[in-house]
Structure formats: C-alpha cells, structure tokens
N, C-alpha and C. Protein backbone atom coordinates (compact mmCIF):
# COMPACT_ATOMS: atom_id res chain seq x y z
N UNK A 1 -0.75 7.38 12.26
CA UNK A 1 -1.13 7.55 10.98
C UNK A 1 -2.36 8.40 10.86
N UNK A 2 -2.31 9.55 10.36
CA UNK A 2 -3.53 10.37 10.07
C UNK A 2 -3.15 11.54 9.18
N UNK A 3 -4.19 11.99 8.40
CA UNK A 3 -4.06 13.05 7.39
C UNK A 3 -3.54 14.33 8.06
N UNK A 4 -3.78 14.70 9.38
CA UNK A 4 -3.35 15.78 9.89
C UNK A 4 -1.88 15.92 9.82
N UNK A 5 -1.07 15.02 9.72
CA UNK A 5 0.41 15.08 9.75
C UNK A 5 0.84 15.47 8.48
N UNK A 6 0.07 15.48 7.47
CA UNK A 6 0.47 15.87 6.15
C UNK A 6 1.02 17.33 6.14
N UNK A 7 0.26 18.16 6.82
CA UNK A 7 0.86 19.73 6.77
C UNK A 7 2.15 19.83 7.54
N UNK A 8 2.33 19.08 8.61
CA UNK A 8 3.63 19.27 9.44
C UNK A 8 4.66 18.37 8.92
N UNK A 9 4.64 17.12 8.97
CA UNK A 9 5.60 16.10 8.83
C UNK A 9 6.00 15.95 7.34
N UNK A 10 4.97 16.00 6.40
CA UNK A 10 5.32 15.77 5.04
C UNK A 10 6.32 16.67 4.45
N UNK A 11 6.21 18.00 4.54
CA UNK A 11 7.05 18.87 4.00
C UNK A 11 8.51 18.70 4.55
N UNK A 12 8.55 18.44 5.88
CA UNK A 12 9.79 18.36 6.58
C UNK A 12 10.67 17.12 5.99
N UNK A 13 9.89 15.96 5.80
CA UNK A 13 10.63 14.75 5.39
C UNK A 13 11.14 15.12 3.85
N UNK A 14 10.20 15.74 3.06
CA UNK A 14 10.70 16.05 1.78
C UNK A 14 11.85 16.80 1.70
N UNK A 15 11.85 17.86 2.52
CA UNK A 15 13.15 18.72 2.66
C UNK A 15 14.34 17.97 2.96
N UNK A 16 14.18 17.04 4.02
CA UNK A 16 15.32 16.32 4.57
C UNK A 16 15.86 15.38 3.33
N UNK A 17 15.00 14.83 2.60
CA UNK A 17 15.45 13.97 1.47
C UNK A 17 15.81 14.73 0.25
N UNK A 18 15.54 16.04 0.16
CA UNK A 18 15.73 16.86 -0.95
C UNK A 18 14.99 16.45 -2.09
N UNK A 19 13.56 16.23 -1.73
CA UNK A 19 12.63 15.81 -2.84
C UNK A 19 11.95 17.03 -3.26
N UNK A 20 11.57 17.12 -4.56
CA UNK A 20 10.72 18.32 -4.95
C UNK A 20 9.47 18.46 -4.16
N UNK A 21 9.23 19.45 -3.70
CA UNK A 21 8.07 19.76 -2.84
C UNK A 21 6.76 19.69 -3.65
N UNK A 22 6.91 20.05 -5.04
CA UNK A 22 5.74 20.07 -5.84
C UNK A 22 5.39 18.84 -6.66
N UNK A 23 6.43 18.05 -6.91
CA UNK A 23 6.21 16.66 -7.51
C UNK A 23 5.43 15.66 -6.91
N UNK A 24 4.51 14.98 -7.60
CA UNK A 24 3.71 13.82 -6.90
C UNK A 24 4.73 12.93 -6.45
N UNK A 25 4.51 12.40 -5.15
CA UNK A 25 5.47 11.48 -4.59
C UNK A 25 4.79 10.11 -4.54
N UNK A 26 5.36 9.19 -5.16
CA UNK A 26 4.81 7.79 -5.26
C UNK A 26 5.79 7.11 -4.17
N UNK A 27 5.21 6.22 -3.40
CA UNK A 27 5.91 5.55 -2.41
C UNK A 27 5.73 4.04 -2.43
N UNK A 28 6.85 3.34 -2.59
CA UNK A 28 6.80 1.87 -2.49
C UNK A 28 7.64 1.53 -1.30
N UNK A 29 6.92 0.72 -0.40
CA UNK A 29 7.56 0.44 1.01
C UNK A 29 7.52 -1.12 1.08
N UNK A 30 8.73 -1.74 1.46
CA UNK A 30 8.85 -3.14 1.68
C UNK A 30 10.12 -3.70 1.41
N UNK A 31 10.52 -4.64 2.14
CA UNK A 31 11.92 -5.25 2.10
C UNK A 31 12.07 -6.19 0.88
N UNK A 32 11.09 -6.92 0.60
CA UNK A 32 11.09 -8.00 -0.49
C UNK A 32 10.62 -7.41 -1.84
N UNK A 33 11.48 -6.70 -2.55
CA UNK A 33 11.04 -6.02 -3.80
C UNK A 33 10.50 -6.97 -4.77
N UNK A 34 11.07 -8.14 -4.95
CA UNK A 34 10.51 -9.13 -5.87
C UNK A 34 9.12 -9.60 -5.53
N UNK A 35 8.83 -9.97 -4.37
CA UNK A 35 7.56 -10.45 -3.98
C UNK A 35 6.57 -9.27 -3.99
N UNK A 36 6.95 -8.06 -3.74
CA UNK A 36 6.02 -6.94 -3.60
C UNK A 36 5.81 -6.28 -5.02
N UNK A 37 6.45 -6.80 -6.03
CA UNK A 37 6.06 -6.18 -7.30
C UNK A 37 6.97 -5.02 -7.71
N UNK A 38 8.04 -4.72 -7.05
CA UNK A 38 8.84 -3.64 -7.50
C UNK A 38 9.28 -3.69 -8.90
N UNK A 39 9.68 -4.76 -9.39
CA UNK A 39 10.07 -4.94 -10.81
C UNK A 39 9.00 -4.57 -11.76
N UNK A 40 7.97 -5.04 -11.52
CA UNK A 40 6.67 -4.62 -12.34
C UNK A 40 6.40 -3.17 -12.23
N UNK A 41 6.50 -2.55 -11.09
CA UNK A 41 6.20 -1.11 -10.97
C UNK A 41 7.27 -0.35 -11.67
N UNK A 42 8.50 -0.64 -11.73
CA UNK A 42 9.57 -0.02 -12.51
C UNK A 42 9.22 -0.15 -13.96
N UNK A 43 8.85 -1.25 -14.31
CA UNK A 43 8.51 -1.48 -15.69
C UNK A 43 7.35 -0.59 -16.19
N UNK A 44 6.35 -0.51 -15.37
CA UNK A 44 5.12 0.39 -15.66
C UNK A 44 5.61 1.88 -15.70
N UNK A 45 6.48 2.32 -14.72
CA UNK A 45 6.81 3.81 -14.74
C UNK A 45 7.79 4.04 -15.90
N UNK A 46 8.40 3.06 -16.54
CA UNK A 46 9.20 3.49 -17.67
C UNK A 46 8.40 3.86 -18.79
N UNK A 47 6.99 3.81 -18.80
CA UNK A 47 6.18 4.39 -19.80
C UNK A 47 5.67 5.72 -19.48
N UNK A 48 5.99 6.32 -18.23
CA UNK A 48 5.36 7.59 -17.75
C UNK A 48 6.54 8.40 -17.52
N UNK A 49 7.47 8.44 -18.19
CA UNK A 49 8.81 9.28 -17.91
C UNK A 49 8.52 10.77 -18.20
N UNK A 50 7.32 11.02 -18.99
CA UNK A 50 7.06 12.54 -19.32
C UNK A 50 6.58 13.14 -18.11
N UNK A 51 6.11 12.54 -17.02
CA UNK A 51 5.47 13.21 -15.94
C UNK A 51 6.53 13.81 -15.06
N UNK A 52 6.09 14.51 -13.89
CA UNK A 52 6.98 15.15 -12.91
C UNK A 52 7.12 14.36 -11.63
N UNK A 53 6.69 13.15 -11.59
CA UNK A 53 6.61 12.40 -10.38
C UNK A 53 8.00 12.07 -9.85
N UNK A 54 8.01 11.61 -8.64
CA UNK A 54 9.30 11.01 -8.04
C UNK A 54 8.77 9.65 -7.23
N UNK A 55 9.58 8.67 -7.49
CA UNK A 55 9.28 7.32 -6.73
C UNK A 55 10.40 7.33 -5.59
N UNK A 56 9.72 7.03 -4.36
CA UNK A 56 10.60 6.82 -3.25
C UNK A 56 10.42 5.34 -2.84
N UNK A 57 11.46 4.59 -2.87
CA UNK A 57 11.42 3.21 -2.51
C UNK A 57 12.12 3.08 -1.05
N UNK A 58 11.31 2.69 -0.18
CA UNK A 58 11.75 2.73 1.21
C UNK A 58 11.96 1.32 1.81
N UNK A 59 13.17 1.13 2.27
CA UNK A 59 13.43 -0.23 3.03
C UNK A 59 13.64 -1.51 2.30
N UNK A 60 13.75 -1.37 0.98
CA UNK A 60 13.93 -2.60 0.06
C UNK A 60 15.37 -3.19 0.45
N UNK A 61 15.47 -4.51 0.23
CA UNK A 61 16.67 -5.18 0.28
C UNK A 61 17.46 -4.96 -1.05
N UNK A 62 18.78 -4.89 -0.90
CA UNK A 62 19.68 -4.93 -2.20
C UNK A 62 19.24 -3.61 -3.05
N UNK A 63 19.20 -2.40 -2.42
CA UNK A 63 18.77 -1.27 -3.19
C UNK A 63 19.66 -0.95 -4.40
N UNK A 64 20.91 -1.23 -4.37
CA UNK A 64 21.91 -1.03 -5.50
C UNK A 64 21.40 -1.97 -6.66
N UNK A 65 21.08 -3.19 -6.41
CA UNK A 65 20.55 -3.95 -7.42
C UNK A 65 19.28 -3.38 -8.17
N UNK A 66 18.32 -2.93 -7.27
CA UNK A 66 17.02 -2.30 -7.78
C UNK A 66 17.31 -0.99 -8.50
N UNK A 67 18.33 -0.40 -8.07
CA UNK A 67 18.64 0.86 -8.78
C UNK A 67 19.29 0.63 -10.14
N UNK A 68 19.85 -0.55 -10.41
CA UNK A 68 20.27 -0.86 -11.65
C UNK A 68 19.03 -1.30 -12.65
N UNK A 69 18.14 -2.03 -11.93
CA UNK A 69 16.90 -2.31 -12.80
C UNK A 69 16.19 -1.12 -13.14
N UNK A 70 16.14 -0.10 -12.25
CA UNK A 70 15.49 1.12 -12.70
C UNK A 70 16.10 1.91 -13.86
N UNK A 71 17.52 1.77 -13.79
CA UNK A 71 18.33 2.46 -14.91
C UNK A 71 18.07 1.72 -16.11
N UNK A 72 17.94 0.29 -16.00
CA UNK A 72 17.68 -0.57 -17.23
C UNK A 72 16.27 -0.21 -17.92
N UNK A 73 15.43 0.32 -17.11
CA UNK A 73 14.19 0.82 -17.65
C UNK A 73 14.18 2.25 -18.12
N UNK A 74 15.25 2.87 -18.02
CA UNK A 74 15.42 4.26 -18.52
C UNK A 74 14.92 5.27 -17.51
N UNK A 75 14.94 4.77 -16.19
CA UNK A 75 14.51 5.76 -15.18
C UNK A 75 15.63 6.41 -14.60
N UNK A 76 15.79 7.70 -14.58
CA UNK A 76 16.90 8.45 -14.03
C UNK A 76 16.98 8.38 -12.51
N UNK A 77 18.30 8.30 -11.93
CA UNK A 77 18.41 8.21 -10.51
C UNK A 77 17.63 9.35 -9.77
N UNK A 78 17.51 10.53 -10.33
CA UNK A 78 16.81 11.48 -9.60
C UNK A 78 15.26 11.36 -9.52
N UNK A 79 14.73 10.43 -10.39
CA UNK A 79 13.30 10.05 -10.43
C UNK A 79 13.01 8.95 -9.53
N UNK A 80 13.87 8.06 -9.26
CA UNK A 80 13.74 6.86 -8.37
C UNK A 80 14.78 6.99 -7.25
N UNK A 81 14.30 7.20 -6.03
CA UNK A 81 15.14 7.52 -4.94
C UNK A 81 15.01 6.12 -3.86
N UNK A 82 16.06 5.74 -3.45
CA UNK A 82 16.07 4.59 -2.49
C UNK A 82 16.62 5.06 -1.13
N UNK A 83 15.75 4.70 -0.18
CA UNK A 83 16.12 5.20 1.32
C UNK A 83 15.90 3.90 2.23
N UNK A 84 16.60 4.00 3.30
CA UNK A 84 16.43 3.00 4.24
C UNK A 84 15.03 3.10 4.99
N UNK A 85 14.68 2.24 5.78
CA UNK A 85 13.32 2.17 6.44
C UNK A 85 13.26 3.57 7.17
N UNK A 86 12.13 4.26 6.80
CA UNK A 86 11.75 5.62 7.48
C UNK A 86 10.82 5.49 8.62
N UNK A 87 10.77 6.53 9.41
CA UNK A 87 9.68 6.60 10.38
C UNK A 87 8.31 6.54 9.53
N UNK A 88 7.59 5.44 9.66
CA UNK A 88 6.53 5.20 8.80
C UNK A 88 5.36 6.30 8.88
N UNK A 89 4.99 6.82 9.88
CA UNK A 89 3.97 7.89 9.90
C UNK A 89 4.50 9.17 9.21
N UNK A 90 5.75 9.46 9.20
CA UNK A 90 6.32 10.54 8.41
C UNK A 90 6.35 10.24 6.94
N UNK A 91 6.62 9.04 6.75
CA UNK A 91 6.65 8.59 5.29
C UNK A 91 5.48 8.77 4.62
N UNK A 92 4.34 8.31 5.24
CA UNK A 92 3.09 8.43 4.56
C UNK A 92 2.45 9.82 4.60
N UNK A 93 2.99 10.64 5.53
CA UNK A 93 2.48 11.98 5.56
C UNK A 93 3.07 12.78 4.34
N UNK A 94 4.28 12.21 3.84
CA UNK A 94 4.85 12.91 2.73
C UNK A 94 4.43 12.40 1.39
N UNK A 95 3.84 11.14 1.34
CA UNK A 95 3.45 10.50 0.19
C UNK A 95 2.14 11.10 -0.39
N UNK A 96 2.01 10.98 -1.82
CA UNK A 96 0.88 11.23 -2.38
C UNK A 96 0.14 10.06 -3.01
N UNK A 97 0.90 8.97 -3.17
CA UNK A 97 0.23 7.62 -3.80
C UNK A 97 1.08 6.56 -3.27
N UNK A 98 0.40 5.49 -2.64
CA UNK A 98 1.05 4.18 -2.30
C UNK A 98 0.81 3.26 -3.31
N UNK A 99 1.95 2.64 -3.82
CA UNK A 99 1.98 1.61 -4.85
C UNK A 99 2.44 0.34 -4.32
N UNK A 100 1.69 -0.78 -4.41
CA UNK A 100 2.01 -1.95 -3.84
C UNK A 100 1.50 -3.12 -4.84
N UNK A 101 2.14 -3.32 -5.88
CA UNK A 101 1.59 -4.38 -6.91
C UNK A 101 2.05 -5.83 -6.49
N UNK A 102 1.74 -6.24 -5.30
CA UNK A 102 2.29 -7.41 -4.70
C UNK A 102 1.98 -8.59 -5.28
N UNK A 103 2.74 -9.65 -5.25
CA UNK A 103 2.48 -10.98 -5.75
C UNK A 103 1.74 -11.92 -4.52
N UNK A 104 2.12 -11.52 -3.30
CA UNK A 104 1.54 -12.26 -2.20
C UNK A 104 1.72 -11.41 -0.93
N UNK A 105 0.51 -11.11 -0.32
CA UNK A 105 0.42 -10.47 1.01
C UNK A 105 -0.90 -10.89 1.70
N UNK A 106 -0.70 -11.63 2.76
CA UNK A 106 -1.93 -12.02 3.38
C UNK A 106 -2.79 -10.86 3.97
N UNK A 107 -2.11 -9.69 4.22
CA UNK A 107 -2.74 -8.52 4.57
C UNK A 107 -2.23 -7.46 3.67
N UNK A 108 -1.09 -6.99 3.90
CA UNK A 108 -0.41 -5.77 3.25
C UNK A 108 -0.62 -4.50 4.18
N UNK A 109 0.03 -4.57 5.27
CA UNK A 109 -0.12 -3.55 6.30
C UNK A 109 0.13 -2.06 5.66
N UNK A 110 1.00 -2.11 4.70
CA UNK A 110 1.28 -0.87 4.04
C UNK A 110 0.06 -0.25 3.37
N UNK A 111 -0.81 -0.99 2.90
CA UNK A 111 -1.95 -0.57 2.40
C UNK A 111 -2.96 0.08 3.49
N UNK A 112 -3.02 -0.54 4.59
CA UNK A 112 -3.83 0.03 5.71
C UNK A 112 -3.29 1.23 6.20
N UNK A 113 -1.94 1.41 6.44
CA UNK A 113 -1.54 2.61 7.15
C UNK A 113 -1.46 3.71 6.16
N UNK A 114 -1.30 3.53 4.91
CA UNK A 114 -1.38 4.64 3.85
C UNK A 114 -2.83 5.12 3.78
N UNK A 115 -3.90 4.27 3.74
CA UNK A 115 -5.16 4.70 3.83
C UNK A 115 -5.42 5.48 5.09
N UNK A 116 -5.01 4.99 6.21
CA UNK A 116 -5.16 5.66 7.44
C UNK A 116 -4.58 7.16 7.41
N UNK A 117 -3.58 7.29 6.59
CA UNK A 117 -2.88 8.52 6.46
C UNK A 117 -3.61 9.51 5.41
N UNK A 118 -4.65 9.04 4.73
CA UNK A 118 -5.27 9.73 3.70
C UNK A 118 -4.67 9.56 2.29
N UNK A 119 -3.75 8.50 2.24
CA UNK A 119 -3.10 8.33 0.79
C UNK A 119 -3.80 7.33 0.08
N UNK A 120 -4.05 7.60 -1.24
CA UNK A 120 -4.79 6.59 -2.06
C UNK A 120 -3.82 5.49 -2.44
N UNK A 121 -4.30 4.44 -3.01
CA UNK A 121 -3.39 3.20 -2.93
C UNK A 121 -3.63 2.51 -4.36
N UNK A 122 -2.61 2.18 -4.97
CA UNK A 122 -2.71 1.20 -6.23
C UNK A 122 -2.09 -0.20 -5.74
N UNK A 123 -2.88 -1.20 -5.70
CA UNK A 123 -2.34 -2.53 -5.29
C UNK A 123 -2.87 -3.62 -6.20
N UNK A 124 -2.52 -4.89 -5.87
CA UNK A 124 -3.11 -5.90 -6.72
C UNK A 124 -4.12 -6.70 -5.79
N UNK A 125 -4.83 -7.66 -6.52
CA UNK A 125 -5.80 -8.38 -5.79
C UNK A 125 -5.04 -9.46 -4.86
N UNK A 126 -3.82 -9.65 -5.08
CA UNK A 126 -3.08 -10.56 -4.19
C UNK A 126 -2.94 -10.02 -2.78
N UNK A 127 -3.18 -8.67 -2.56
CA UNK A 127 -2.96 -8.30 -1.08
C UNK A 127 -4.37 -8.32 -0.42
N UNK A 128 -4.34 -9.01 0.67
CA UNK A 128 -5.60 -9.10 1.49
C UNK A 128 -6.33 -7.80 1.72
N UNK A 129 -5.48 -6.84 2.10
CA UNK A 129 -5.94 -5.63 2.38
C UNK A 129 -6.61 -4.91 1.24
N UNK A 130 -6.57 -5.36 0.03
CA UNK A 130 -7.23 -4.75 -0.94
C UNK A 130 -8.76 -4.74 -0.97
N UNK A 131 -9.34 -5.78 -0.19
CA UNK A 131 -10.72 -5.75 -0.06
C UNK A 131 -11.21 -4.46 0.73
N UNK A 132 -10.35 -3.76 1.36
CA UNK A 132 -10.84 -2.54 1.89
C UNK A 132 -11.05 -1.39 1.00
N UNK A 133 -10.71 -1.63 -0.36
CA UNK A 133 -10.81 -0.50 -1.33
C UNK A 133 -12.13 -0.96 -2.17
N UNK A 134 -12.74 -2.15 -1.91
CA UNK A 134 -13.81 -2.36 -2.69
C UNK A 134 -15.04 -1.35 -2.45
N UNK A 135 -15.52 -0.96 -3.67
CA UNK A 135 -16.63 -0.01 -3.49
C UNK A 135 -16.28 1.46 -2.99
N UNK A 136 -14.94 1.80 -3.03
CA UNK A 136 -14.46 3.14 -2.69
C UNK A 136 -13.82 3.78 -3.93
N UNK A 137 -13.56 5.08 -3.69
CA UNK A 137 -12.89 5.77 -4.79
C UNK A 137 -11.41 6.17 -4.16
N UNK A 138 -10.94 5.37 -3.25
CA UNK A 138 -9.64 5.68 -2.56
C UNK A 138 -8.52 5.04 -3.12
N UNK A 139 -8.73 4.07 -4.27
CA UNK A 139 -7.55 3.49 -4.78
C UNK A 139 -8.13 2.51 -5.95
N UNK A 140 -7.06 1.92 -6.51
CA UNK A 140 -7.25 1.01 -7.59
C UNK A 140 -6.64 -0.46 -7.42
N UNK A 141 -7.39 -1.39 -7.77
CA UNK A 141 -6.88 -2.81 -7.46
C UNK A 141 -6.76 -3.55 -8.85
N UNK A 142 -5.50 -3.80 -9.22
CA UNK A 142 -5.28 -4.57 -10.53
C UNK A 142 -5.37 -6.02 -10.19
N UNK A 143 -5.66 -6.92 -11.18
CA UNK A 143 -5.93 -8.28 -10.81
C UNK A 143 -4.47 -8.93 -10.68
N UNK A 144 -3.57 -8.76 -11.57
CA UNK A 144 -2.30 -9.35 -11.49
C UNK A 144 -1.11 -8.28 -11.59
N UNK A 145 -0.09 -8.48 -10.75
CA UNK A 145 0.99 -7.57 -10.70
C UNK A 145 1.80 -7.46 -12.15
N UNK A 146 1.72 -8.63 -12.88
CA UNK A 146 2.46 -8.64 -14.20
C UNK A 146 1.56 -8.12 -15.27
N UNK A 147 0.59 -7.52 -14.94
CA UNK A 147 -0.26 -6.81 -16.12
C UNK A 147 0.24 -5.41 -16.13
N UNK A 148 1.37 -5.22 -16.73
CA UNK A 148 2.09 -3.88 -16.67
C UNK A 148 1.32 -2.78 -17.30
N UNK A 149 0.56 -3.20 -18.30
CA UNK A 149 -0.25 -2.05 -18.98
C UNK A 149 -1.32 -1.53 -18.08
N UNK A 150 -2.02 -2.67 -17.29
CA UNK A 150 -3.13 -2.14 -16.44
C UNK A 150 -2.41 -1.43 -15.38
N UNK A 151 -1.27 -1.73 -14.81
CA UNK A 151 -0.64 -0.97 -13.76
C UNK A 151 -0.24 0.39 -14.24
N UNK A 152 0.30 0.39 -15.44
CA UNK A 152 0.82 1.79 -15.97
C UNK A 152 -0.57 2.67 -16.12
N UNK A 153 -1.68 2.08 -16.64
CA UNK A 153 -2.83 2.93 -16.85
C UNK A 153 -3.37 3.44 -15.50
N UNK A 154 -3.28 2.58 -14.38
CA UNK A 154 -3.70 3.03 -13.08
C UNK A 154 -2.90 4.03 -12.66
N UNK A 155 -1.60 4.04 -12.63
CA UNK A 155 -0.70 5.12 -12.26
C UNK A 155 -0.92 6.25 -12.90
N UNK A 156 -1.06 6.24 -14.33
CA UNK A 156 -1.29 7.50 -14.99
C UNK A 156 -2.55 8.17 -14.69
N UNK A 157 -3.65 7.33 -14.37
CA UNK A 157 -4.94 7.89 -13.97
C UNK A 157 -4.84 8.53 -12.57
N UNK A 158 -4.15 8.08 -11.83
CA UNK A 158 -3.85 8.63 -10.46
C UNK A 158 -2.95 9.90 -10.52
N UNK A 159 -1.99 9.93 -11.36
CA UNK A 159 -1.02 11.09 -11.48
C UNK A 159 -2.02 12.28 -12.05
N UNK A 160 -3.03 11.94 -12.70
CA UNK A 160 -3.96 13.02 -13.21
C UNK A 160 -4.93 13.52 -12.08
N UNK A 161 -5.27 12.51 -11.24
CA UNK A 161 -6.18 12.89 -10.09
C UNK A 161 -5.59 13.59 -8.87
N UNK A 162 -4.37 13.20 -8.72
CA UNK A 162 -3.66 13.78 -7.47
C UNK A 162 -3.82 15.19 -7.18
N UNK A 163 -3.73 16.14 -8.16
CA UNK A 163 -3.71 17.56 -7.93
C UNK A 163 -5.12 17.90 -7.31
N UNK A 164 -6.16 17.13 -7.47
CA UNK A 164 -7.53 17.55 -6.97
C UNK A 164 -7.82 16.71 -5.71
N UNK A 165 -6.78 16.07 -5.07
CA UNK A 165 -6.90 15.17 -3.88
C UNK A 165 -7.01 16.25 -2.70
N UNK A 166 -8.14 16.41 -2.23
CA UNK A 166 -8.36 17.42 -1.19
C UNK A 166 -8.74 16.85 0.17
N UNK A 167 -9.16 17.75 1.12
CA UNK A 167 -9.42 17.36 2.44
C UNK A 167 -10.42 16.28 2.45
N UNK A 168 -11.54 16.36 1.68
CA UNK A 168 -12.58 15.47 1.59
C UNK A 168 -12.11 14.03 1.07
N UNK A 169 -11.18 14.02 0.19
CA UNK A 169 -10.59 12.78 -0.25
C UNK A 169 -9.71 12.16 0.69
N UNK A 170 -8.91 12.88 1.51
CA UNK A 170 -8.10 12.40 2.53
C UNK A 170 -9.04 11.85 3.58
N UNK A 171 -10.14 12.34 3.92
CA UNK A 171 -10.97 11.69 4.88
C UNK A 171 -11.73 10.44 4.34
N UNK A 172 -12.03 10.52 3.11
CA UNK A 172 -12.63 9.28 2.50
C UNK A 172 -11.59 8.03 2.50
N UNK A 173 -10.24 8.39 2.23
CA UNK A 173 -9.43 7.33 2.26
C UNK A 173 -9.33 6.70 3.64
N UNK A 174 -9.19 7.63 4.62
CA UNK A 174 -9.07 7.19 6.06
C UNK A 174 -10.29 6.43 6.47
N UNK A 175 -11.42 6.64 6.02
CA UNK A 175 -12.59 6.04 6.26
C UNK A 175 -12.66 4.58 5.91
N UNK A 176 -11.86 4.19 4.87
CA UNK A 176 -11.78 2.84 4.51
C UNK A 176 -11.19 1.88 5.61
N UNK A 177 -10.50 2.39 6.48
CA UNK A 177 -9.81 1.59 7.52
C UNK A 177 -10.19 2.04 8.94
N UNK A 178 -11.19 3.07 9.00
CA UNK A 178 -11.60 3.47 10.39
C UNK A 178 -12.02 2.49 11.36
N UNK A 179 -12.72 1.50 10.87
CA UNK A 179 -13.25 0.43 11.78
C UNK A 179 -12.49 -0.81 12.07
N UNK A 180 -11.14 -0.71 11.46
CA UNK A 180 -10.40 -1.92 11.62
C UNK A 180 -9.47 -1.86 12.85
N UNK A 181 -10.18 -1.78 13.98
CA UNK A 181 -9.33 -1.78 15.31
C UNK A 181 -9.26 -3.28 15.61
N UNK A 182 -8.67 -3.47 16.94
CA UNK A 182 -8.44 -4.68 17.44
C UNK A 182 -9.72 -5.44 17.68
N UNK A 183 -10.79 -4.68 18.17
CA UNK A 183 -12.12 -5.44 18.39
C UNK A 183 -12.60 -6.01 17.21
N UNK A 184 -12.57 -5.28 16.10
CA UNK A 184 -13.05 -5.84 14.85
C UNK A 184 -12.33 -7.11 14.38
N UNK A 185 -10.82 -7.00 14.47
CA UNK A 185 -10.07 -8.31 14.16
C UNK A 185 -10.42 -9.47 14.95
N UNK A 186 -10.65 -9.26 16.33
CA UNK A 186 -10.87 -10.37 17.26
C UNK A 186 -12.32 -10.89 16.97
N UNK A 187 -13.33 -10.09 16.67
CA UNK A 187 -14.61 -10.47 16.35
C UNK A 187 -14.62 -11.46 15.07
N UNK A 188 -13.72 -10.99 14.07
CA UNK A 188 -13.59 -11.84 12.91
C UNK A 188 -12.99 -13.20 13.21
N UNK A 189 -11.94 -13.25 14.02
CA UNK A 189 -11.22 -14.43 14.36
C UNK A 189 -12.25 -15.31 15.33
N UNK A 190 -13.00 -14.76 16.01
CA UNK A 190 -14.02 -15.42 16.86
C UNK A 190 -15.04 -16.08 15.90
N UNK A 191 -15.52 -15.40 14.85
CA UNK A 191 -16.43 -16.01 14.07
C UNK A 191 -15.90 -17.22 13.23
N UNK A 192 -14.58 -17.08 12.79
CA UNK A 192 -13.95 -18.20 12.13
C UNK A 192 -13.87 -19.49 13.08
N UNK A 193 -13.43 -19.19 14.24
CA UNK A 193 -13.27 -20.33 15.27
C UNK A 193 -14.69 -20.99 15.54
N UNK A 194 -15.62 -20.22 15.66
CA UNK A 194 -17.07 -20.61 15.99
C UNK A 194 -17.66 -21.41 14.80
N UNK A 195 -17.26 -20.95 13.61
CA UNK A 195 -17.68 -21.67 12.30
C UNK A 195 -17.04 -23.02 12.16
N UNK A 196 -15.76 -22.94 12.54
CA UNK A 196 -15.11 -24.41 12.56
C UNK A 196 -15.62 -25.23 13.60
N UNK A 197 -16.12 -24.79 14.78
CA UNK A 197 -16.52 -25.66 15.78
C UNK A 197 -18.00 -26.19 15.39
N UNK A 198 -18.69 -25.51 14.49
CA UNK A 198 -19.95 -26.01 14.05
C UNK A 198 -19.88 -26.84 12.86
N UNK A 199 -18.88 -26.95 12.29
CA UNK A 199 -18.53 -27.79 10.94
C UNK A 199 -18.77 -29.27 11.31
N UNK A 200 -19.25 -29.97 10.28
CA UNK A 200 -19.45 -31.42 10.43
C UNK A 200 -18.11 -32.15 10.78
N UNK A 201 -18.28 -33.04 11.76
CA UNK A 201 -17.15 -33.68 12.12
C UNK A 201 -16.34 -32.89 13.44
N UNK A 202 -16.88 -31.90 13.90
CA UNK A 202 -16.27 -31.22 15.03
C UNK A 202 -16.55 -32.07 16.32
N UNK A 203 -15.80 -31.93 17.32
CA UNK A 203 -15.94 -32.74 18.57
C UNK A 203 -16.96 -32.29 19.49
N UNK A 204 -17.82 -31.20 19.14
CA UNK A 204 -18.60 -30.52 20.15
C UNK A 204 -19.62 -31.43 20.83
N UNK A 205 -20.08 -32.53 20.15
CA UNK A 205 -21.03 -33.48 20.76
C UNK A 205 -20.43 -34.56 21.34
N UNK A 206 -19.20 -34.75 21.35
CA UNK A 206 -18.49 -35.90 22.07
C UNK A 206 -18.32 -35.61 23.46
N UNK A 207 -18.34 -36.63 24.33
CA UNK A 207 -18.16 -36.49 25.76
C UNK A 207 -16.90 -35.75 26.06
N UNK A 208 -16.92 -34.57 26.82
CA UNK A 208 -15.78 -33.84 27.16
C UNK A 208 -15.26 -33.05 26.01
N UNK A 209 -15.98 -33.14 24.88
CA UNK A 209 -15.35 -32.31 23.57
C UNK A 209 -15.67 -30.88 23.57
N UNK A 210 -14.96 -30.18 22.97
CA UNK A 210 -15.27 -28.66 22.85
C UNK A 210 -14.93 -28.02 24.16
N UNK A 211 -14.92 -26.68 24.01
CA UNK A 211 -14.66 -25.68 25.26
C UNK A 211 -15.62 -26.04 26.21
N UNK A 212 -16.93 -26.31 25.95
CA UNK A 212 -17.91 -26.43 27.03
C UNK A 212 -17.76 -27.72 27.82
N UNK A 213 -16.93 -28.74 27.28
CA UNK A 213 -16.83 -29.97 28.10
C UNK A 213 -15.61 -29.96 28.93
N UNK A 214 -14.99 -28.83 29.14
CA UNK A 214 -13.72 -28.89 29.89
C UNK A 214 -14.00 -28.16 31.22
C-alpha cells in the first residue's frame, strides 16, 4: 500500500472496471454493509447526485439487496458499482476517497490501508483507527454514522477538495500511519499488560505470583 502505485495500478483497475478515469472515485470496502454504515452512506449520497462522482462498493455481502437500496435513494446503477473483493492495493491505488461511516470497528483496517496509499478518509468515531486522523488534514471523522447531514457535508467538502489533492497531500495521508508497524503495536500491548500488572489487586507481590515468580 503506497501512493506510488496510483500512477500505474490505479488507471489499469479503472479501465478494467470501465470506470470514468476523470470522475472522483469513492470507495466503500467491507462485507457487512449494515454494520459498516453503507445504508447511511447511500442516504448521504442521495443528496449529492449533481456531482460527477462514482461510488465503488467492494466485497459487500448481498450486493443485489444493496443495489436496490441505492436505487431507492435515487442513485443510478452507473453511479454506484458493486464488485467482489478486489486486490486491495490496486483498489486503493484507484480510489480518491475512502468512506467508512461504521457503527463498530475495533480498528478499521480499511482506514489504515487507505491512508497508507495516500487516500483521504471519511469515517466515524466508532472506528478505532479514526484516532490516526486526529490533528491531521487527511480525513474527516463524524461522531455518529446516522448523522446523515454531517456525513453528506463531509462528502461534499471532500469532493470539492479532491482536485487539489497533490503529491504533498498523498505523503501527508501516508504519514498518519507511517509509524504503525509491528513494533509499535507490540509496545502498546506491552504497556497495557504492564499496567494491568501494576493495578491494585494484582498478584505480583504474592509468593510465586507474576512472571518474576516463575
């Protein structure tokens, strides 16, 4: 997952899927459309039909059912495309905006790989990975997925900004996750475990208790 793939893989995937090479490409990726906020996203996009965007929904279960929801919101089939799970690095190389207004995600890996690819993100505070956007200009975090007006406003603002999303912006998005390697995660886990060990009532002072007593 890297911005350098945008010049090579992005146009190829768009051509394969017969997507407009110039239209902003919004990507929603996830199997559980209900939990990930796909319904709320479609409702928000129903108020943005004047734009030239295309929404690509990748890997969702029951795509036919969701296609009907999109039509019920007045969204034409050519504006909302459903595809099976794609090669993820190529998918994000083609994307212009990641949208994940999720109801529950302990992490939200989609957010991390999109940012690593240089793609800005619109998500909800229910995604653990949303913390990576704090203090940055690489995305927008709405409080609740069902705040459709806030979601619509965020999408509209990003559709205006995307034409100016340049190399510096790509690098800024990637920098949000640049330090999140295995070492960082393990250090965080170690800190949690040590914190629990120091908590009142821990067995560290009991004979044979704790790691040091074995």
